[in-house]
Each structure stands twice: as C-alpha cells, then as structure tokens.
Protein backbone atom coordinates (compact mmCIF):
# COMPACT_ATOMS: atom_id res chain seq x y z
CA MET A 1 177.53 118.84 23.27
CA VAL A 2 178.75 120.15 26.63
CA THR A 3 180.46 117.52 28.76
CA GLY A 4 183.24 117.55 31.33
CA GLY A 5 183.15 118.73 34.91
CA ALA A 6 179.43 118.65 35.62
CA SER A 7 179.76 116.01 38.31
CA GLY A 8 182.35 114.23 40.41
CA ALA A 9 184.86 115.19 43.07
CA PRO A 10 186.44 118.65 43.31
CA ARG A 11 189.53 119.27 41.20
CA ARG A 12 192.45 121.55 42.08
CA ILE A 13 193.74 124.51 40.03
CA ALA A 14 197.22 125.96 40.51
CA VAL A 15 198.24 129.42 39.32
CA VAL A 16 201.98 130.00 39.13
CA GLN A 17 203.09 133.63 39.40
CA PRO A 18 206.80 133.43 38.57
CA GLU A 19 209.55 136.00 38.40
CA ALA A 20 210.11 137.18 34.85
CA ALA A 21 212.81 135.63 32.69
CA CYS A 22 212.96 138.39 30.10
CA PHE A 23 214.82 137.45 26.90
CA ASP A 24 215.89 134.19 28.58
CA THR A 25 213.93 131.34 27.05
CA ALA A 26 215.90 128.52 28.66
CA THR A 27 215.37 129.87 32.18
CA ALA A 28 211.68 130.46 31.53
CA VAL A 29 211.20 126.87 30.34
CA ASP A 30 213.13 125.56 33.36
CA ARG A 31 210.85 127.52 35.70
CA VAL A 32 207.70 126.26 34.00
CA VAL A 33 208.91 122.68 34.33
CA ALA A 34 209.85 123.12 37.99
CA GLY A 35 206.65 125.00 38.82
CA THR A 36 204.50 122.40 37.12
CA LEU A 37 206.04 119.55 39.09
CA GLU A 38 205.78 121.49 42.36
CA ALA A 39 202.13 122.35 41.78
CA ALA A 40 201.31 118.76 40.87
CA GLY A 41 202.98 117.63 44.10
CA LYS A 42 200.48 119.83 45.94
CA GLY A 43 197.51 118.19 44.29
CA ALA A 44 196.94 120.34 41.19
CA GLY A 45 195.28 118.85 38.14
CA LEU A 46 195.50 122.08 36.12
CA VAL A 47 198.54 124.39 36.19
CA VAL A 48 198.45 127.86 34.61
CA PHE A 49 201.32 130.23 33.73
CA PRO A 50 201.10 133.92 32.66
CA GLU A 51 200.74 135.68 29.33
CA ALA A 52 203.91 135.63 27.19
CA TYR A 53 205.96 134.07 29.99
CA ILE A 54 208.24 132.11 27.67
CA GLY A 55 209.70 134.66 25.28
CA GLY A 56 208.83 137.54 27.58
CA TYR A 57 206.34 140.36 27.92
CA PRO A 58 208.50 143.41 27.05
CA TRP A 59 207.30 145.93 29.65
CA GLY A 60 208.58 149.45 29.02
CA LEU A 61 210.28 148.81 25.67
CA ALA A 62 209.40 150.75 22.53
CA PHE A 63 212.03 149.03 20.35
CA GLY A 64 213.25 152.38 19.08
CA THR A 65 209.96 153.24 17.41
CA ALA A 66 208.11 156.47 16.84
CA VAL A 67 205.28 157.28 14.47
CA GLY A 68 206.98 157.32 11.08
CA GLY A 69 210.34 155.96 12.23
CA ARG A 70 212.33 152.98 13.48
CA SER A 71 215.94 152.90 14.66
CA ALA A 72 218.75 150.48 13.86
CA ALA A 73 219.19 149.77 17.58
CA GLY A 74 215.48 149.02 17.85
CA ARG A 75 215.72 146.52 15.01
CA ARG A 76 218.59 144.76 16.80
CA ALA A 77 216.57 144.62 20.02
CA TRP A 78 213.64 143.25 18.04
CA GLN A 79 215.92 140.55 16.57
CA ARG A 80 216.89 139.52 20.10
CA TYR A 81 213.23 139.37 21.07
CA HIS A 82 212.46 137.33 17.97
CA GLU A 83 215.21 134.87 18.89
CA SER A 84 213.68 134.50 22.38
CA ALA A 85 210.38 133.34 20.89
CA ILE A 86 209.63 129.67 20.30
CA ALA A 87 208.35 127.55 17.44
CA VAL A 88 205.13 125.60 18.02
CA PRO A 89 205.71 122.70 17.91
CA GLY A 90 209.40 122.70 18.69
CA PRO A 91 211.98 121.58 21.26
CA GLU A 92 210.56 123.82 23.98
CA THR A 93 207.03 122.48 23.52
CA GLU A 94 208.40 118.94 23.65
CA ARG A 95 209.96 119.66 27.03
CA LEU A 96 206.77 121.31 28.32
CA GLY A 97 204.77 118.29 27.20
CA GLU A 98 207.18 115.99 29.01
CA ALA A 99 206.70 118.05 32.19
CA ALA A 100 202.91 117.85 31.87
CA ALA A 101 203.14 114.08 31.40
CA GLU A 102 205.52 113.60 34.33
CA ALA A 103 203.24 115.67 36.54
CA GLY A 104 200.03 114.16 35.12
CA VAL A 105 198.40 117.59 34.75
CA VAL A 106 196.73 119.83 32.22
CA LEU A 107 199.25 122.61 31.61
CA ALA A 108 198.51 126.05 30.13
CA VAL A 109 201.47 128.31 29.35
CA GLY A 110 201.67 131.76 27.77
CA VAL A 111 204.43 131.98 25.16
CA VAL A 112 205.68 134.26 22.42
CA GLU A 113 205.27 132.11 19.33
CA ARG A 114 207.48 132.55 16.28
CA ASP A 115 205.51 131.85 13.12
CA THR A 116 206.97 128.91 11.20
CA THR A 117 204.10 128.37 8.76
CA TYR A 118 204.03 131.43 6.52
CA SER A 119 206.56 134.17 7.09
CA GLY A 120 209.01 133.35 9.90
CA GLY A 121 209.07 137.04 10.73
CA THR A 122 205.86 137.43 12.76
CA LEU A 123 205.40 136.75 16.46
CA PHE A 124 202.17 135.87 18.22
CA CYS A 125 201.12 136.07 21.85
CA THR A 126 199.94 132.50 22.31
CA LEU A 127 198.43 130.33 25.03
CA LEU A 128 199.47 126.66 24.76
CA TYR A 129 197.56 123.73 26.25
CA PHE A 130 199.11 120.37 27.11
CA GLY A 131 197.29 117.26 28.25
CA PRO A 132 198.31 114.98 31.13
CA ASP A 133 199.70 112.57 28.55
CA GLY A 134 202.09 115.27 27.36
CA ARG A 135 200.29 115.92 24.10
CA LEU A 136 200.04 119.48 22.78
CA LEU A 137 196.25 119.78 22.78
CA GLY A 138 196.19 123.08 20.91
CA LYS A 139 196.77 126.79 21.16
CA HIS A 140 195.07 130.17 21.22
CA ARG A 141 196.67 133.12 19.45
CA LYS A 142 195.71 136.53 20.83
CA LEU A 143 193.14 138.06 18.49
CA LYS A 144 193.95 141.70 19.13
CA PRO A 145 197.26 142.86 20.62
CA THR A 146 196.67 145.98 22.70
CA ALA A 147 198.17 149.41 21.98
CA ALA A 148 201.97 149.15 21.59
CA GLU A 149 201.78 145.34 21.63
CA ARG A 150 200.83 145.74 17.96
CA LEU A 151 204.45 146.71 17.29
CA VAL A 152 205.67 143.24 18.19
CA TRP A 153 202.78 140.77 17.81
CA GLY A 154 200.54 139.76 14.95
CA GLU A 155 196.82 138.98 15.20
CA GLY A 156 195.39 135.50 15.57
CA ASP A 157 192.23 134.32 13.85
CA GLY A 158 189.16 132.33 14.82
CA SER A 159 190.82 128.99 14.11
CA THR A 160 192.50 129.11 17.54
CA LEU A 161 189.63 129.62 19.98
CA PRO A 162 189.61 126.21 21.64
CA VAL A 163 187.90 124.83 24.72
CA PHE A 164 189.15 121.43 25.86
CA ASP A 165 187.26 118.70 27.68
CA THR A 166 189.59 117.57 30.49
CA ALA A 167 189.39 115.64 33.73
CA VAL A 168 189.41 118.99 35.56
CA GLY A 169 186.54 120.40 33.49
CA ARG A 170 186.09 122.22 30.19
CA VAL A 171 189.11 124.53 29.94
CA GLY A 172 189.60 127.50 27.62
CA GLY A 173 190.27 131.19 27.77
CA LEU A 174 191.39 134.53 26.39
CA ILE A 175 194.54 136.59 26.89
CA CYS A 176 194.62 139.91 28.78
CA TRP A 177 192.50 142.63 27.15
CA GLU A 178 190.83 140.17 24.80
CA ASN A 179 188.70 139.69 27.89
CA TYR A 180 187.23 143.15 27.26
CA MET A 181 185.88 141.90 23.91
CA PRO A 182 182.27 140.85 24.65
CA LEU A 183 181.94 138.67 21.57
CA ALA A 184 185.20 136.87 22.27
CA ARG A 185 183.91 136.03 25.74
CA MET A 186 180.64 134.84 24.23
CA ALA A 187 182.59 132.52 21.95
CA MET A 188 184.10 130.91 25.04
CA TYR A 189 180.73 130.62 26.78
CA GLY A 190 179.24 129.08 23.66
CA GLU A 191 181.79 126.27 23.88
CA GLY A 192 180.68 125.47 27.42
CA VAL A 193 183.79 126.72 29.21
CA GLU A 194 183.80 125.83 32.91
CA ILE A 195 187.34 126.89 33.84
CA TYR A 196 188.08 130.15 32.06
CA LEU A 197 191.76 131.12 31.84
CA ALA A 198 192.68 134.82 31.71
CA PRO A 199 196.49 135.08 31.69
CA THR A 200 197.47 138.73 31.60
CA ALA A 201 200.06 141.47 32.00
CA ASP A 202 197.54 143.81 33.66
CA ALA A 203 198.35 144.27 37.34
CA ARG A 204 195.97 147.14 38.07
CA PRO A 205 193.50 146.67 40.96
CA ARG A 206 190.59 147.17 38.54
CA TRP A 207 191.62 143.99 36.69
CA GLN A 208 190.17 142.07 39.61
CA SER A 209 186.77 143.53 38.73
CA THR A 210 187.18 142.15 35.21
CA LEU A 211 187.93 138.65 36.49
CA GLN A 212 184.98 138.81 38.88
CA HIS A 213 182.64 140.03 36.16
CA ILE A 214 183.61 137.18 33.81
CA ALA A 215 183.00 134.66 36.59
CA LEU A 216 179.52 136.08 37.19
CA GLU A 217 178.71 136.46 33.50
CA GLY A 218 179.94 133.02 32.44
CA ARG A 219 179.07 131.26 35.70
CA CYS A 220 182.48 129.63 35.52
CA TYR A 221 185.72 129.49 37.45
CA VAL A 222 188.08 132.25 36.28
CA VAL A 223 191.83 131.96 36.59
CA GLY A 224 193.83 135.18 36.38
CA CYS A 225 197.58 134.67 36.07
CA ASN A 226 200.33 137.30 35.89
CA GLN A 227 204.07 137.48 36.61
CA TYR A 228 206.23 139.49 39.00
CA VAL A 229 208.68 141.73 37.14
CA THR A 230 211.37 144.22 38.16
CA ARG A 231 213.72 146.20 35.94
CA ASP A 232 216.77 144.24 37.09
CA MET A 233 215.25 141.07 35.62
CA TYR A 234 216.11 142.37 32.13
CA PRO A 235 219.52 141.47 30.66
CA SER A 236 222.16 144.01 31.63
CA ASP A 237 223.38 144.24 28.03
CA LEU A 238 219.94 144.76 26.49
CA GLU A 239 219.81 147.13 23.54
CA LEU A 240 217.74 150.23 24.36
CA ALA A 241 217.75 149.52 28.11
CA HIS A 242 217.53 153.31 28.54
CA GLU A 243 213.89 153.08 27.45
CA LEU A 244 213.20 151.68 30.93
CA ASP A 245 214.64 154.75 32.71
CA ALA A 246 211.23 156.41 33.02
CA TRP A 247 209.65 153.29 34.52
CA PRO A 248 209.52 152.28 38.22
CA ASP A 249 211.79 149.56 39.56
CA THR A 250 208.82 147.20 39.82
CA LEU A 251 207.28 146.86 36.37
CA CYS A 252 204.54 144.42 37.35
CA ILE A 253 203.38 143.47 40.85
CA GLY A 254 201.47 140.40 39.65
CA GLY A 255 197.91 140.20 40.90
CA SER A 256 197.12 136.58 40.06
CA ALA A 257 193.78 135.41 41.46
CA ILE A 258 191.09 132.73 41.14
CA TYR A 259 187.34 133.45 41.22
CA GLY A 260 184.40 131.08 41.62
CA PRO A 261 181.25 131.01 39.46
CA MET A 262 179.34 133.23 41.90
CA GLY A 263 182.09 135.87 41.79
CA ASP A 264 183.74 134.92 45.08
CA CYS A 265 187.52 135.39 45.24
CA LEU A 266 188.89 131.95 46.11
CA ALA A 267 192.61 132.81 46.09
CA GLY A 268 194.69 135.96 45.77
CA PRO A 269 195.29 138.47 44.49
CA LEU A 270 199.00 137.71 44.93
CA GLU A 271 200.98 140.94 44.69
CA GLY A 272 204.59 142.04 45.08
CA GLU A 273 206.20 138.62 44.93
CA ALA A 274 206.41 135.36 43.06
CA GLY A 275 204.37 132.44 44.33
CA MET A 276 201.54 130.01 43.74
CA LEU A 277 197.81 130.04 44.34
CA PHE A 278 195.47 127.06 44.63
CA ALA A 279 191.73 126.57 44.52
CA ASP A 280 189.47 123.52 44.36
CA VAL A 281 186.90 123.32 41.58
CA ASP A 282 183.50 122.02 42.64
CA PRO A 283 181.59 121.01 39.47
CA GLY A 284 178.35 121.20 41.43
CA GLU A 285 178.94 124.88 42.13
CA ILE A 286 178.90 125.54 38.39
CA VAL A 287 175.50 123.86 38.13
CA ARG A 288 174.12 125.69 41.17
CA SER A 289 175.33 129.05 39.90
CA ARG A 290 173.43 128.64 36.62
CA PHE A 291 170.10 128.16 38.38
CA ASP A 292 169.22 131.82 37.93
CA PHE A 293 171.60 132.89 35.14
CA ASP A 294 172.85 130.83 32.20
CA VAL A 295 174.36 133.07 29.54
CA THR A 296 174.00 130.58 26.68
CA GLY A 297 170.92 128.86 28.06
CA HIS A 298 167.76 130.27 29.57
CA TYR A 299 169.24 133.79 29.74
CA ALA A 300 170.00 133.87 26.02
CA ARG A 301 167.67 135.36 23.41
CA PRO A 302 168.66 133.83 20.06
CA ASP A 303 165.39 135.13 18.60
CA VAL A 304 166.71 138.67 19.17
CA PHE A 305 170.51 138.34 18.93
CA ARG A 306 172.53 136.35 16.38
CA PHE A 307 176.24 135.65 16.74
CA GLU A 308 178.56 133.65 14.50
CA VAL A 309 182.20 132.71 15.03
CA ASP A 310 184.35 132.16 11.95
CA ARG A 311 186.64 129.34 13.03
CA ARG A 312 188.35 128.94 9.67
CA PRO A 313 192.08 129.71 9.38
CA HIS A 314 192.84 132.71 7.20
CA PRO A 315 196.29 132.21 5.63
CA PRO A 316 197.84 135.23 3.93
CA VAL A 317 198.28 133.28 0.70
CA SER A 318 195.86 130.69 -0.66
CA SER A 319 196.51 128.54 -3.70
CA ARG A 320 193.98 126.89 -5.98
CA THR A 321 194.63 124.10 -8.44
C-alpha cells in the first residue's frame, strides 16, 4: 500500500555537495555530521550526500591494473582504499545516526561499505538511510558497478532495493548509472517512490537530462547529488598518484540538482564549488503530475508486460541441515 507524502504541508530537501575527502574516512564523517546539522538548521527534513562520499570515489585511479595483470603497488593502494571503507553497522554508522537524531532529519549518505558478513574482502558502493530517531533504516547496494568500478566494488542484489515511508514522503533511489537501468527504475516506481534519490559521480551536462527524465517518468521529485573534487584533495603520499597525471586538476565539478515531478529544475545544477541546495516538496504536486501519466497506475499495461523483482538475498554460500 502506498502511503506517505500524499497530503500535508511542503517538506524541505537539502542536497549537500561537499569537497572530497579521498582516503580520509574521519574527515568525511565529520563533514557529513556538520553538513547535516547545518542543513537541518535551514529547515531541511531530508539531507542527501553523494555516491561513495565516505570511503571515497577513486576518480582517475586504475590501482595498477591492466587486462591480465595487477601490480604490487596497486595491491597496496587497494589495501589503503579497503581500510578507508566502513562496516555497516559500525562506529561510523553510529555517529551518522547520532547526527540524524540530533538534527531530526532523514539522512541519506553514499559510502563505500566493507563486507563483514561473508568475505571481508569485498567492497560495495552503498547508500545508507537513517531515520530522524537515529536508526539505520536500511541500505541499497549498487547493483551494477560501471566500467572500471568493477575493479573495486562488488554487485548488490535485490534484497537491498528499499523505499522508506518518512515524514518527508516515500524515499528511495538508485546510484549513478543504475539509473540507466529501466527495470531498476521500475522497481522504485513500483514501491511508490515520491522522492527519488540519484547520488552520482557523473558531472556531465547530459546527466541533467537523466534526472529530468526520471522526474517526468516517475512523476516524483528527483534529487541528484555529487561532490566537488580536485586532484590536490588526494593524499600527497598516495600509492600510484602518477595515475592521475593524465587527468585535469578538477576531477569532478559536481552538478547536484533537484527536479520536480513535472521535470522542472527546482535547484542547481551546482558546479565548480562545494555548497548546498534546497527545495520544498509539495505532496500535492505529485498528485497533480499523475493526472495524465502514472507509470504504475493508469499508464501501465500489466496485461501486456510482466515484471518481477527478486528481493531475496543471494549469499555466496548456503547451508542446509
């Protein structure tokens, strides 16, 4: 049953576009805490941070790899990246939950998650959700890392495709190029998402067209969130820093933005600097936008198209007794 933000007063979304804290988990957590409290002080009920912000999105790094080969230096750099990732739950998630509770907001944060259930050696690109009581509501693991991301991240499964009923509305989302997966988007629409989060590392102008399309297709608010990154934000002693030599000084200009359910740009895109964006959610606008197009309602054709989502976890090892 779809409930949530179908009526009531407008609610405020905050997008935080921070400077990167590459390979510096403590600083990244500090910035999320500070940004959350600042956004809440400006009236936000939902605060969103970028893809892989805690743990770091490793722009420009190949970790010493080539087809058919890996280097010892690359393995050491990978170990450092692995040590920058966080356990979920763990001490970092406890602190993030405390910040959400102090601010009284729903908090969504992109992290690099270190698997603690099966192997301990696999990382996931994960979106964490915290409630205004500080509870870890759940997480989404990226289903399909893109291109060279497959070197460093594993694949999530359908057990982490949540949409949460909150005071701001029904909140859920996908990470970066997962948003080009039509069936993944349909899974979100099928859960009645009203505020669709799309944290990303894609700063290209054409990404704005993607955000706008999702808003029009899902008739929902769409929140794009990225970070601002320059080469000098990497540690000076990073193994394989020479892999960045071919890259520009600015690795990511940002491009965070918020779109309304009729495709209007409500805030942003914010480019070339760190900062915050805000937009008010009008639940009535969601209803009005679905008058002529409702992707899982009167515009669906279940007699023609069938779609199932396997929401079971798929552990690598199962035991029977």
